N, C-alpha and C. Protein backbone atom coordinates (compact mmCIF):
# COMPACT_ATOMS: atom_id res chain seq x y z
N MET A 1 -14.82 16.30 27.26
CA MET A 1 -13.82 16.59 28.27
C MET A 1 -12.59 17.24 27.66
N GLY A 2 -12.24 16.84 26.46
CA GLY A 2 -11.09 17.42 25.78
C GLY A 2 -11.27 18.90 25.52
N ALA A 3 -12.52 19.29 25.23
CA ALA A 3 -12.80 20.70 24.98
C ALA A 3 -12.60 21.51 26.26
N LEU A 4 -12.92 20.90 27.40
CA LEU A 4 -12.75 21.59 28.67
C LEU A 4 -11.27 21.84 28.96
N SER A 5 -10.42 20.85 28.68
CA SER A 5 -8.99 21.04 28.88
C SER A 5 -8.44 22.07 27.90
N SER A 6 -9.00 22.10 26.67
CA SER A 6 -8.59 23.13 25.71
C SER A 6 -8.99 24.51 26.20
N LEU A 7 -10.16 24.60 26.80
CA LEU A 7 -10.62 25.87 27.35
C LEU A 7 -9.71 26.32 28.49
N ALA A 8 -9.32 25.39 29.34
CA ALA A 8 -8.41 25.73 30.44
C ALA A 8 -7.06 26.16 29.89
N SER A 9 -6.61 25.50 28.85
CA SER A 9 -5.34 25.86 28.22
C SER A 9 -5.40 27.26 27.62
N VAL A 10 -6.50 27.56 26.96
CA VAL A 10 -6.68 28.89 26.38
C VAL A 10 -6.72 29.93 27.48
N GLY A 11 -7.42 29.64 28.56
CA GLY A 11 -7.50 30.57 29.69
C GLY A 11 -6.13 30.81 30.30
N LEU A 12 -5.36 29.76 30.45
CA LEU A 12 -4.02 29.89 31.00
C LEU A 12 -3.13 30.71 30.06
N ASN A 13 -3.19 30.41 28.77
CA ASN A 13 -2.41 31.17 27.79
C ASN A 13 -2.80 32.65 27.81
N LEU A 14 -4.09 32.90 27.92
CA LEU A 14 -4.58 34.28 27.97
C LEU A 14 -4.04 34.99 29.21
N ALA A 15 -4.11 34.34 30.36
CA ALA A 15 -3.62 34.94 31.60
C ALA A 15 -2.11 35.20 31.52
N LEU A 16 -1.36 34.25 30.99
CA LEU A 16 0.09 34.43 30.87
C LEU A 16 0.43 35.55 29.89
N ALA A 17 -0.30 35.61 28.78
CA ALA A 17 -0.06 36.67 27.80
C ALA A 17 -0.38 38.04 28.40
N GLN A 18 -1.45 38.10 29.17
CA GLN A 18 -1.83 39.36 29.79
C GLN A 18 -0.79 39.78 30.83
N GLN A 19 -0.31 38.84 31.63
CA GLN A 19 0.72 39.16 32.63
C GLN A 19 2.00 39.65 31.95
N ALA A 20 2.38 38.97 30.89
CA ALA A 20 3.59 39.37 30.17
C ALA A 20 3.42 40.76 29.56
N SER A 21 2.26 41.01 29.01
CA SER A 21 1.98 42.32 28.43
C SER A 21 2.01 43.41 29.50
N GLU A 22 1.41 43.15 30.65
CA GLU A 22 1.40 44.12 31.75
C GLU A 22 2.83 44.37 32.25
N ARG A 23 3.62 43.32 32.36
CA ARG A 23 5.00 43.45 32.83
C ARG A 23 5.81 44.28 31.83
N GLN A 24 5.66 44.00 30.55
CA GLN A 24 6.37 44.77 29.53
C GLN A 24 5.92 46.23 29.53
N SER A 25 4.64 46.44 29.74
CA SER A 25 4.12 47.80 29.80
C SER A 25 4.68 48.55 31.01
N ARG A 26 4.74 47.90 32.17
CA ARG A 26 5.31 48.52 33.37
C ARG A 26 6.79 48.84 33.15
N ASP A 27 7.51 47.89 32.56
CA ASP A 27 8.93 48.11 32.29
C ASP A 27 9.14 49.27 31.32
N ALA A 28 8.31 49.33 30.28
CA ALA A 28 8.41 50.41 29.30
C ALA A 28 8.08 51.76 29.95
N ASN A 29 7.06 51.77 30.80
CA ASN A 29 6.71 53.02 31.50
C ASN A 29 7.82 53.45 32.44
N ALA A 30 8.42 52.52 33.14
CA ALA A 30 9.53 52.85 34.04
C ALA A 30 10.72 53.40 33.25
N GLU A 31 11.02 52.81 32.12
CA GLU A 31 12.12 53.30 31.28
C GLU A 31 11.80 54.68 30.74
N ARG A 32 10.56 54.88 30.29
CA ARG A 32 10.15 56.19 29.80
C ARG A 32 10.30 57.25 30.90
N ASN A 33 9.82 56.93 32.10
CA ASN A 33 9.92 57.87 33.22
C ASN A 33 11.38 58.16 33.58
N ARG A 34 12.24 57.14 33.50
CA ARG A 34 13.65 57.34 33.80
C ARG A 34 14.30 58.27 32.77
N GLN A 35 13.97 58.08 31.50
CA GLN A 35 14.52 58.93 30.45
C GLN A 35 14.06 60.38 30.61
N ILE A 36 12.78 60.56 30.93
CA ILE A 36 12.25 61.91 31.11
C ILE A 36 12.90 62.57 32.31
N GLN A 37 13.04 61.83 33.40
CA GLN A 37 13.69 62.37 34.60
C GLN A 37 15.14 62.76 34.31
N ALA A 38 15.84 61.95 33.53
CA ALA A 38 17.23 62.26 33.18
C ALA A 38 17.30 63.55 32.35
N ILE A 39 16.37 63.72 31.43
CA ILE A 39 16.34 64.94 30.62
C ILE A 39 16.10 66.15 31.51
N ARG A 40 15.15 66.03 32.42
CA ARG A 40 14.83 67.16 33.31
C ARG A 40 15.99 67.48 34.25
N GLN A 41 16.68 66.47 34.75
CA GLN A 41 17.83 66.72 35.62
C GLN A 41 18.96 67.40 34.84
N ARG A 42 19.19 66.92 33.63
CA ARG A 42 20.24 67.51 32.78
C ARG A 42 19.89 68.97 32.47
N ASP A 43 18.62 69.25 32.20
CA ASP A 43 18.18 70.62 31.92
C ASP A 43 18.36 71.51 33.15
N ALA A 44 18.02 71.01 34.32
CA ALA A 44 18.16 71.81 35.54
C ALA A 44 19.63 72.15 35.78
N GLU A 45 20.51 71.19 35.55
CA GLU A 45 21.94 71.43 35.74
C GLU A 45 22.46 72.43 34.70
N GLN A 46 22.04 72.28 33.46
CA GLN A 46 22.48 73.22 32.42
C GLN A 46 21.95 74.63 32.70
N GLN A 47 20.72 74.70 33.18
CA GLN A 47 20.15 76.01 33.50
C GLN A 47 20.93 76.66 34.64
N ARG A 48 21.28 75.90 35.66
CA ARG A 48 22.06 76.42 36.77
C ARG A 48 23.42 76.93 36.28
N GLN A 49 24.07 76.15 35.42
CA GLN A 49 25.37 76.56 34.88
C GLN A 49 25.25 77.82 34.03
N GLN A 50 24.18 77.91 33.23
CA GLN A 50 23.99 79.09 32.40
C GLN A 50 23.71 80.33 33.26
N GLU A 51 22.94 80.16 34.34
CA GLU A 51 22.69 81.29 35.23
C GLU A 51 23.98 81.76 35.90
N ASP A 52 24.81 80.82 36.32
CA ASP A 52 26.11 81.18 36.91
C ASP A 52 26.98 81.92 35.90
N ALA A 53 27.02 81.42 34.67
CA ALA A 53 27.82 82.06 33.63
C ALA A 53 27.29 83.46 33.33
N LEU A 54 25.96 83.61 33.31
CA LEU A 54 25.38 84.93 33.06
C LEU A 54 25.76 85.90 34.17
N ARG A 55 25.69 85.45 35.42
CA ARG A 55 26.07 86.32 36.54
C ARG A 55 27.53 86.78 36.40
N ARG A 56 28.40 85.86 36.03
CA ARG A 56 29.82 86.21 35.86
C ARG A 56 30.00 87.20 34.71
N ARG A 57 29.32 86.96 33.58
CA ARG A 57 29.43 87.87 32.43
C ARG A 57 28.89 89.27 32.78
N LEU A 58 27.75 89.29 33.50
CA LEU A 58 27.19 90.59 33.88
C LEU A 58 28.12 91.33 34.83
N ALA A 59 28.68 90.60 35.80
CA ALA A 59 29.60 91.23 36.75
C ALA A 59 30.84 91.75 36.03
N ALA A 60 31.37 90.96 35.10
CA ALA A 60 32.56 91.38 34.34
C ALA A 60 32.24 92.61 33.49
N GLN A 61 31.07 92.61 32.87
CA GLN A 61 30.69 93.74 32.03
C GLN A 61 30.49 95.00 32.87
N ARG A 62 29.87 94.85 34.05
CA ARG A 62 29.70 96.00 34.95
C ARG A 62 31.06 96.55 35.40
N ALA A 63 31.97 95.64 35.68
CA ALA A 63 33.31 96.06 36.11
C ALA A 63 34.02 96.81 34.98
N ARG A 64 33.92 96.31 33.74
CA ARG A 64 34.53 97.01 32.60
C ARG A 64 33.90 98.38 32.39
N ALA A 65 32.57 98.42 32.50
CA ALA A 65 31.88 99.71 32.31
C ALA A 65 32.26 100.68 33.43
N GLY A 66 32.36 100.18 34.65
CA GLY A 66 32.76 101.03 35.77
C GLY A 66 34.17 101.55 35.60
N ALA A 67 35.07 100.68 35.13
CA ALA A 67 36.45 101.10 34.91
C ALA A 67 36.55 102.13 33.81
N ALA A 68 35.64 102.07 32.85
CA ALA A 68 35.64 103.03 31.74
C ALA A 68 34.89 104.30 32.12
N GLY A 69 34.22 104.30 33.28
CA GLY A 69 33.49 105.47 33.73
C GLY A 69 32.12 105.63 33.11
N VAL A 70 31.56 104.56 32.57
CA VAL A 70 30.23 104.63 31.95
C VAL A 70 29.25 103.65 32.60
N SER A 71 29.41 103.42 33.89
CA SER A 71 28.60 102.39 34.55
C SER A 71 27.12 102.74 34.59
N GLY A 72 26.76 104.02 34.59
CA GLY A 72 25.34 104.37 34.65
C GLY A 72 24.78 104.73 33.30
N GLY A 73 25.55 104.58 32.25
CA GLY A 73 25.12 105.03 30.92
C GLY A 73 24.19 104.06 30.23
N GLY A 74 23.59 104.56 29.17
CA GLY A 74 22.66 103.76 28.38
C GLY A 74 23.33 102.64 27.62
N SER A 75 24.55 102.89 27.16
CA SER A 75 25.22 101.84 26.38
C SER A 75 25.60 100.66 27.27
N ALA A 76 26.00 100.93 28.50
CA ALA A 76 26.34 99.84 29.43
C ALA A 76 25.09 99.02 29.75
N ASN A 77 23.97 99.71 29.96
CA ASN A 77 22.71 99.01 30.24
C ASN A 77 22.27 98.20 29.02
N ALA A 78 22.49 98.72 27.84
CA ALA A 78 22.12 97.99 26.62
C ALA A 78 22.93 96.72 26.48
N VAL A 79 24.21 96.78 26.81
CA VAL A 79 25.06 95.58 26.75
C VAL A 79 24.58 94.55 27.76
N LEU A 80 24.27 94.99 28.98
CA LEU A 80 23.78 94.07 30.02
C LEU A 80 22.44 93.46 29.61
N ARG A 81 21.56 94.28 29.05
CA ARG A 81 20.27 93.78 28.59
C ARG A 81 20.46 92.76 27.46
N GLY A 82 21.39 93.02 26.56
CA GLY A 82 21.67 92.09 25.47
C GLY A 82 22.18 90.75 25.98
N LEU A 83 23.06 90.78 26.99
CA LEU A 83 23.55 89.53 27.58
C LEU A 83 22.40 88.74 28.22
N THR A 84 21.53 89.47 28.92
CA THR A 84 20.39 88.82 29.57
C THR A 84 19.43 88.22 28.54
N GLU A 85 19.15 88.97 27.48
CA GLU A 85 18.25 88.47 26.43
C GLU A 85 18.83 87.24 25.74
N ASP A 86 20.13 87.23 25.51
CA ASP A 86 20.78 86.06 24.91
C ASP A 86 20.63 84.84 25.81
N ALA A 87 20.80 85.06 27.12
CA ALA A 87 20.66 83.94 28.06
C ALA A 87 19.23 83.42 28.09
N VAL A 88 18.26 84.32 28.04
CA VAL A 88 16.84 83.91 28.02
C VAL A 88 16.54 83.13 26.75
N ALA A 89 17.05 83.58 25.63
CA ALA A 89 16.83 82.88 24.35
C ALA A 89 17.45 81.48 24.39
N ALA A 90 18.64 81.37 24.95
CA ALA A 90 19.30 80.06 25.06
C ALA A 90 18.49 79.12 25.96
N GLU A 91 17.95 79.66 27.04
CA GLU A 91 17.15 78.85 27.96
C GLU A 91 15.86 78.38 27.28
N GLN A 92 15.23 79.27 26.51
CA GLN A 92 14.01 78.89 25.80
C GLN A 92 14.30 77.82 24.75
N ALA A 93 15.43 77.91 24.08
CA ALA A 93 15.80 76.90 23.09
C ALA A 93 16.04 75.55 23.76
N LEU A 94 16.71 75.58 24.91
CA LEU A 94 16.94 74.34 25.66
C LEU A 94 15.63 73.72 26.10
N THR A 95 14.71 74.54 26.60
CA THR A 95 13.41 74.05 27.05
C THR A 95 12.62 73.47 25.88
N ALA A 96 12.62 74.15 24.74
CA ALA A 96 11.90 73.66 23.57
C ALA A 96 12.47 72.32 23.09
N ASP A 97 13.80 72.20 23.07
CA ASP A 97 14.43 70.95 22.67
C ASP A 97 14.08 69.82 23.64
N SER A 98 14.11 70.12 24.92
CA SER A 98 13.78 69.10 25.92
C SER A 98 12.32 68.68 25.81
N ASN A 99 11.43 69.63 25.62
CA ASN A 99 10.01 69.31 25.46
C ASN A 99 9.78 68.44 24.23
N ARG A 100 10.52 68.73 23.15
CA ARG A 100 10.41 67.91 21.93
C ARG A 100 10.88 66.49 22.19
N ARG A 101 12.02 66.34 22.90
CA ARG A 101 12.54 65.00 23.20
C ARG A 101 11.59 64.24 24.12
N ILE A 102 11.02 64.92 25.11
CA ILE A 102 10.08 64.26 26.02
C ILE A 102 8.82 63.83 25.27
N ALA A 103 8.30 64.68 24.40
CA ALA A 103 7.12 64.32 23.60
C ALA A 103 7.42 63.13 22.71
N GLU A 104 8.62 63.08 22.14
CA GLU A 104 9.02 61.95 21.29
C GLU A 104 9.09 60.65 22.10
N ILE A 105 9.62 60.74 23.31
CA ILE A 105 9.69 59.56 24.18
C ILE A 105 8.29 59.07 24.52
N ARG A 106 7.42 60.01 24.87
CA ARG A 106 6.03 59.63 25.21
C ARG A 106 5.30 59.05 24.01
N ARG A 107 5.50 59.63 22.83
CA ARG A 107 4.85 59.13 21.62
C ARG A 107 5.35 57.72 21.30
N SER A 108 6.63 57.52 21.43
CA SER A 108 7.22 56.21 21.18
C SER A 108 6.70 55.19 22.18
N SER A 109 6.56 55.60 23.43
CA SER A 109 6.08 54.70 24.47
C SER A 109 4.62 54.33 24.25
N SER A 110 3.78 55.29 23.87
CA SER A 110 2.36 54.98 23.65
C SER A 110 2.20 54.08 22.43
N SER A 111 3.05 54.26 21.43
CA SER A 111 3.02 53.39 20.26
C SER A 111 3.38 51.96 20.63
N ARG A 112 4.40 51.82 21.49
CA ARG A 112 4.82 50.50 21.95
C ARG A 112 3.71 49.84 22.78
N ASP A 113 3.02 50.64 23.63
CA ASP A 113 1.92 50.10 24.42
C ASP A 113 0.80 49.58 23.53
N ARG A 114 0.47 50.33 22.47
CA ARG A 114 -0.58 49.88 21.56
C ARG A 114 -0.16 48.58 20.88
N ASN A 115 1.11 48.46 20.50
CA ASN A 115 1.58 47.25 19.84
C ASN A 115 1.47 46.05 20.78
N LEU A 116 1.79 46.25 22.05
CA LEU A 116 1.68 45.14 23.02
C LEU A 116 0.23 44.72 23.18
N LEU A 117 -0.69 45.68 23.22
CA LEU A 117 -2.10 45.34 23.35
C LEU A 117 -2.60 44.61 22.11
N ASP A 118 -2.16 45.06 20.94
CA ASP A 118 -2.55 44.38 19.71
C ASP A 118 -2.04 42.94 19.70
N LEU A 119 -0.81 42.76 20.15
CA LEU A 119 -0.22 41.43 20.18
C LEU A 119 -0.99 40.52 21.13
N ALA A 120 -1.30 41.01 22.33
CA ALA A 120 -2.03 40.20 23.29
C ALA A 120 -3.44 39.91 22.79
N GLY A 121 -4.09 40.89 22.19
CA GLY A 121 -5.44 40.69 21.66
C GLY A 121 -5.44 39.69 20.52
N GLY A 122 -4.45 39.74 19.67
CA GLY A 122 -4.37 38.80 18.55
C GLY A 122 -4.14 37.38 19.02
N ALA A 123 -3.32 37.21 20.03
CA ALA A 123 -3.06 35.87 20.56
C ALA A 123 -4.31 35.30 21.21
N THR A 124 -5.05 36.12 21.89
CA THR A 124 -6.27 35.67 22.55
C THR A 124 -7.32 35.29 21.52
N GLY A 125 -7.48 36.14 20.52
CA GLY A 125 -8.48 35.86 19.50
C GLY A 125 -8.19 34.58 18.75
N SER A 126 -6.93 34.34 18.41
CA SER A 126 -6.60 33.13 17.66
C SER A 126 -6.77 31.89 18.53
N SER A 127 -6.48 32.01 19.83
CA SER A 127 -6.65 30.87 20.73
C SER A 127 -8.12 30.52 20.88
N LEU A 128 -8.97 31.54 21.00
CA LEU A 128 -10.40 31.27 21.15
C LEU A 128 -10.99 30.74 19.85
N SER A 129 -10.52 31.21 18.72
CA SER A 129 -11.07 30.69 17.47
C SER A 129 -10.62 29.25 17.26
N ALA A 130 -9.38 28.92 17.68
CA ALA A 130 -8.90 27.54 17.55
C ALA A 130 -9.73 26.62 18.45
N LEU A 131 -10.07 27.12 19.63
CA LEU A 131 -10.89 26.32 20.54
C LEU A 131 -12.28 26.13 19.97
N GLY A 132 -12.80 27.16 19.34
CA GLY A 132 -14.17 27.11 18.84
C GLY A 132 -14.32 26.23 17.61
N GLN A 133 -13.24 25.83 16.99
CA GLN A 133 -13.33 25.01 15.79
C GLN A 133 -13.10 23.55 16.17
N SER A 134 -14.02 22.76 15.79
CA SER A 134 -13.88 21.33 16.04
C SER A 134 -14.32 20.60 14.79
N ALA A 135 -13.39 19.94 14.15
CA ALA A 135 -13.65 19.19 12.92
C ALA A 135 -14.28 20.09 11.86
N GLY A 136 -13.76 21.35 11.79
CA GLY A 136 -14.22 22.24 10.74
C GLY A 136 -15.48 22.98 11.07
N ARG A 137 -16.06 22.80 12.24
CA ARG A 137 -17.27 23.55 12.58
C ARG A 137 -17.05 24.24 13.92
N ARG A 138 -17.79 25.30 14.11
CA ARG A 138 -17.71 26.04 15.37
C ARG A 138 -18.66 25.42 16.38
N ILE A 139 -18.18 25.39 17.63
CA ILE A 139 -19.05 24.92 18.71
C ILE A 139 -19.17 26.03 19.74
N SER A 140 -20.23 26.01 20.46
CA SER A 140 -20.46 27.01 21.48
C SER A 140 -19.84 26.53 22.79
N LEU A 141 -19.35 27.48 23.60
CA LEU A 141 -18.81 27.12 24.90
C LEU A 141 -19.93 26.55 25.80
N LEU A 142 -21.19 26.87 25.49
CA LEU A 142 -22.31 26.35 26.27
C LEU A 142 -22.54 24.86 25.99
N ASP A 143 -22.06 24.39 24.85
CA ASP A 143 -22.21 22.98 24.50
C ASP A 143 -21.25 22.09 25.29
N LEU A 144 -20.25 22.67 25.92
CA LEU A 144 -19.25 21.90 26.63
C LEU A 144 -19.89 21.40 27.85
């Protein structure tokens, strides 16, 4: 009868460990998703600000070129193209940095998930082995 109560205790410990592991995993996933969403929102806002700044710079450059009488010339177009290319390069750098940070968050999260599973698996295995040992010998659960 004592072995049966030990089995129930192991089962309860296993269920509690699994629930705790699932809760920690859900919390970690929610935090990961929150961090990724914050990065994406920050990027969208920065992109909007950069687009506004580019529009202002282009308008100012067109106005200067028009005032100088070279609004249709090749040099004015080259300056506008250069401003646009700079803005595109800055946007690509921002996107690459954000993608790197998101990948790092996901990698860190998956590593933490594996650690939680290892922890829960180790606790379960040690509980079952402790149950299976009686006076230095292993017994079968069928013997109970």
